């Protein structure tokens, strides 16, 4: 996977490992809240729409700081940005365990985690763009984006292993200790050969080309709507599964299984893109359409239909992000960090209004309305992704 001329024999592997670890830890606060929503809601006596508000706090600060974080990544380098991301995420997790005695204090801790998360994708994408050969970046981005379902996998497994035994607070404490892993990997990352010693630092400040701005605009809109439904899946799949007469322990395993399906899909489409198969927003549109079908199945009554729809939604509606990062990086080239910050701002904005609206719909209208709204968001996102794909021939390799 690693281009020796760009990163040395181990530098690229360490870079991808650091990107994966940082992205996983950066997203853990919000996915732990989703995975442990039943236990948190019972402890703090919270309704479903309040869980959505807590989750939205994380995505709101991520959205607010995303573009700024992309510029900081260009200025100070990927390594420093990722170290900051990991440290802030660890503080968020520990703070939630120690200070989260009301929904307001828990939301504040999640908001802090969102600030750290905002730095994760621009910096890690810039790091991969420098350290990994062009012919292997599709898989590299698939591996990095598999960190997100890895976070939900850990959250799902945490339900039967920790949350139902020692409680949700100790689960957050244990998660904060995971920050040591990416911090260690980041100490082993070196600057790519032939580039300035300050890693991934860019002095480029030129305006983004007009065709790229149009492309990023459509892609950002698509990812915003897509994130609205994916963040709702992550936040409410366990909560909703219990309403479908699935036990909390089994619901946790369902979240973990869905996360594996999502990770496999991200790796698969990334590897295919490296071989010239489906490396386009057209593939993203197809996956979102498939995911919309799964979300509709989750709206139907019955535990078995819910489980089948859940796995289909995880694979389609949540299996595409690595491919989005791959095509955006290919189009943006030297301004990858800035372009990623723009697209991620849309992703995080969707993460704000998605769980909020889903929680309200679930509280007021029930399962059917909530999951149908999520399916509609996925369908509209697929349409916008298809429109974005029409602009790809303007870019090299598009």
Foldseek 3Di string as FASTA:
>chain_A
DWDCQWFNPCQLVLLLQLLLLLLLLLQLLLLLCQLCVVQVCVQQVDAQLLSLQLLLLLLVLLLVCQLVLLVVCQAQHLLVLSLQLLVQSLQLLLQCLPPVNHSVSNSVSSNSSSNSNSNSVLSSLLSNLRTHDLLQLLLSLLSSLLSHLVSNLLSLQCVVPPCVPPRSSVVSNVSSVSSVSSVVSSVVHFAIPPDDRRHSHHPDDDDDDPLLVVLLVLLLQLLLLLLLLVLQCSRCQLVLLVVLVDDSNVSSVLSNVLSVLLSVLSNVCSNCVSVVPPLALLQLLVLLLQLLVLLQQCLDHHNVSVSSSSSSNSNRSRNCPSSSLSLSCQQRPSSSSSSRSSSSSSSSNSSNVSSNVLSVCCVPPNSNRSSNSSSVSSNVSSVSSVVSRVSSVVGVVD
